[in-house]
Amino acid sequence: MKFSTPFLILATIATTQARVLYTRAPQANSQAFTGALGGIAATPVVDSGNADRPFSVKGDTFVNIGAALQRSCDQQFNACANVANAGGAAFSTQECSAQKDACSAAN
């Protein structure tokens, strides 16, 4: 009985305060990169509201910020490349690729 009471108290505290331990909860866009060839910005990285998968990019949720930021940069690259490949854009897919590298480096 002596063991179970402290254990129960600690388990209760850990459960109710888990959100306090969560260190990087994005309240706004966590994507630091602002470059936008053709006006195509990197997809925002926001708080999903889910403590287990706290980062959201266009509806997809992620466990860690690194994966979410990478998805954001990838989505920007794909949109940029689609516009460049469609023709008539003032930029090339190589410039989109360079922008993706800059996006990844900014985070």
Protein backbone atom coordinates (compact mmCIF):
# COMPACT_ATOMS: atom_id res chain seq x y z
CA MET A 1 0.00 0.00 0.00
CA LYS A 2 2.88 2.37 0.75
CA PHE A 3 4.20 1.95 -2.79
CA SER A 4 0.89 2.26 -4.60
CA THR A 5 -0.14 5.62 -3.11
CA PRO A 6 2.94 7.59 -4.26
CA PHE A 7 2.81 5.79 -7.59
CA LEU A 8 -0.84 6.72 -8.05
CA ILE A 9 -0.11 10.36 -7.18
CA LEU A 10 2.82 10.54 -9.62
CA ALA A 11 0.81 8.86 -12.37
CA THR A 12 -2.02 11.34 -11.87
CA ILE A 13 0.34 14.31 -12.00
CA ALA A 14 2.08 12.99 -15.10
CA THR A 15 -1.24 12.46 -16.85
CA THR A 16 -2.76 15.81 -16.00
CA GLN A 17 0.41 17.83 -16.60
CA ALA A 18 1.60 16.13 -19.78
CA ARG A 19 0.82 19.19 -21.88
CA VAL A 20 3.07 21.31 -19.62
CA LEU A 21 6.00 19.05 -20.51
CA TYR A 22 5.38 19.59 -24.21
CA THR A 23 8.15 22.05 -25.07
CA ARG A 24 7.53 23.40 -28.55
CA ALA A 25 3.85 23.87 -29.16
CA PRO A 26 3.44 26.06 -32.19
CA GLN A 27 0.75 28.67 -31.66
CA ALA A 28 1.27 30.24 -35.06
CA ASN A 29 3.21 29.23 -38.15
CA SER A 30 6.48 27.57 -37.09
CA GLN A 31 7.84 27.65 -40.64
CA ALA A 32 10.63 30.26 -40.60
CA PHE A 33 11.26 30.28 -44.35
CA THR A 34 9.64 33.20 -46.17
CA GLY A 35 10.91 32.76 -49.74
CA ALA A 36 8.13 32.28 -52.28
CA LEU A 37 9.00 31.88 -55.97
CA GLY A 38 5.95 32.74 -58.01
CA GLY A 39 4.14 33.71 -54.81
CA ILE A 40 4.11 30.09 -53.63
CA ALA A 41 4.90 30.13 -49.91
CA ALA A 42 5.90 27.16 -47.80
CA THR A 43 2.91 25.47 -46.21
CA PRO A 44 2.33 26.69 -42.63
CA VAL A 45 3.33 24.41 -39.74
CA VAL A 46 0.77 24.85 -36.98
CA ASP A 47 -0.39 23.25 -33.73
CA SER A 48 -2.58 20.24 -34.47
CA GLY A 49 -4.19 20.24 -31.04
CA ASN A 50 -3.14 16.60 -30.60
CA ALA A 51 -0.55 16.08 -27.86
CA ASP A 52 0.66 12.82 -29.47
CA ARG A 53 1.13 14.38 -32.94
CA PRO A 54 1.39 18.08 -32.18
CA PHE A 55 2.50 19.49 -35.54
CA SER A 56 0.20 19.85 -38.54
CA VAL A 57 0.95 20.64 -42.18
CA LYS A 58 -2.07 20.92 -44.43
CA GLY A 59 -4.03 18.44 -42.30
CA ASP A 60 -1.23 15.88 -41.91
CA THR A 61 0.08 15.54 -38.35
CA PHE A 62 3.62 14.85 -37.17
CA VAL A 63 5.31 13.73 -33.96
CA ASN A 64 8.27 16.10 -34.33
CA ILE A 65 8.86 19.56 -35.71
CA GLY A 66 11.65 18.44 -38.07
CA ALA A 67 9.38 16.13 -40.04
CA ALA A 68 6.66 18.78 -40.23
CA LEU A 69 9.07 21.44 -41.47
CA GLN A 70 10.45 19.05 -44.09
CA ARG A 71 6.93 18.29 -45.33
CA SER A 72 6.24 22.02 -45.54
CA CYS A 73 9.35 22.57 -47.68
CA ASP A 74 8.52 19.53 -49.84
CA GLN A 75 5.00 20.80 -50.50
CA GLN A 76 6.34 24.20 -51.48
CA PHE A 77 8.83 22.56 -53.86
CA ASN A 78 6.13 20.39 -55.47
CA ALA A 79 3.81 23.36 -56.03
CA CYS A 80 6.69 25.45 -57.39
CA ALA A 81 7.86 22.68 -59.74
CA ASN A 82 4.31 22.13 -61.00
CA VAL A 83 4.04 25.81 -61.97
CA ALA A 84 7.53 25.80 -63.53
CA ASN A 85 6.78 22.63 -65.52
CA ALA A 86 3.46 24.00 -66.76
CA GLY A 87 5.37 26.64 -68.72
CA GLY A 88 5.08 30.38 -68.75
CA ALA A 89 6.66 30.79 -65.30
CA ALA A 90 9.52 33.24 -64.82
CA PHE A 91 11.47 30.56 -62.93
CA SER A 92 12.72 27.00 -63.49
CA THR A 93 12.52 23.77 -61.53
CA GLN A 94 16.21 24.25 -60.70
CA GLU A 95 15.29 27.49 -58.95
CA CYS A 96 12.52 25.63 -57.12
CA SER A 97 15.11 23.06 -56.02
CA ALA A 98 17.44 25.80 -54.76
CA GLN A 99 14.52 27.32 -52.89
CA LYS A 100 13.78 23.94 -51.28
CA ASP A 101 17.39 23.73 -50.08
CA ALA A 102 17.10 27.24 -48.62
CA CYS A 103 13.81 26.32 -46.95
CA SER A 104 15.35 23.23 -45.34
CA ALA A 105 18.36 25.26 -44.17
CA ALA A 106 16.16 27.97 -42.63
CA ASN A 107 14.75 25.55 -40.12
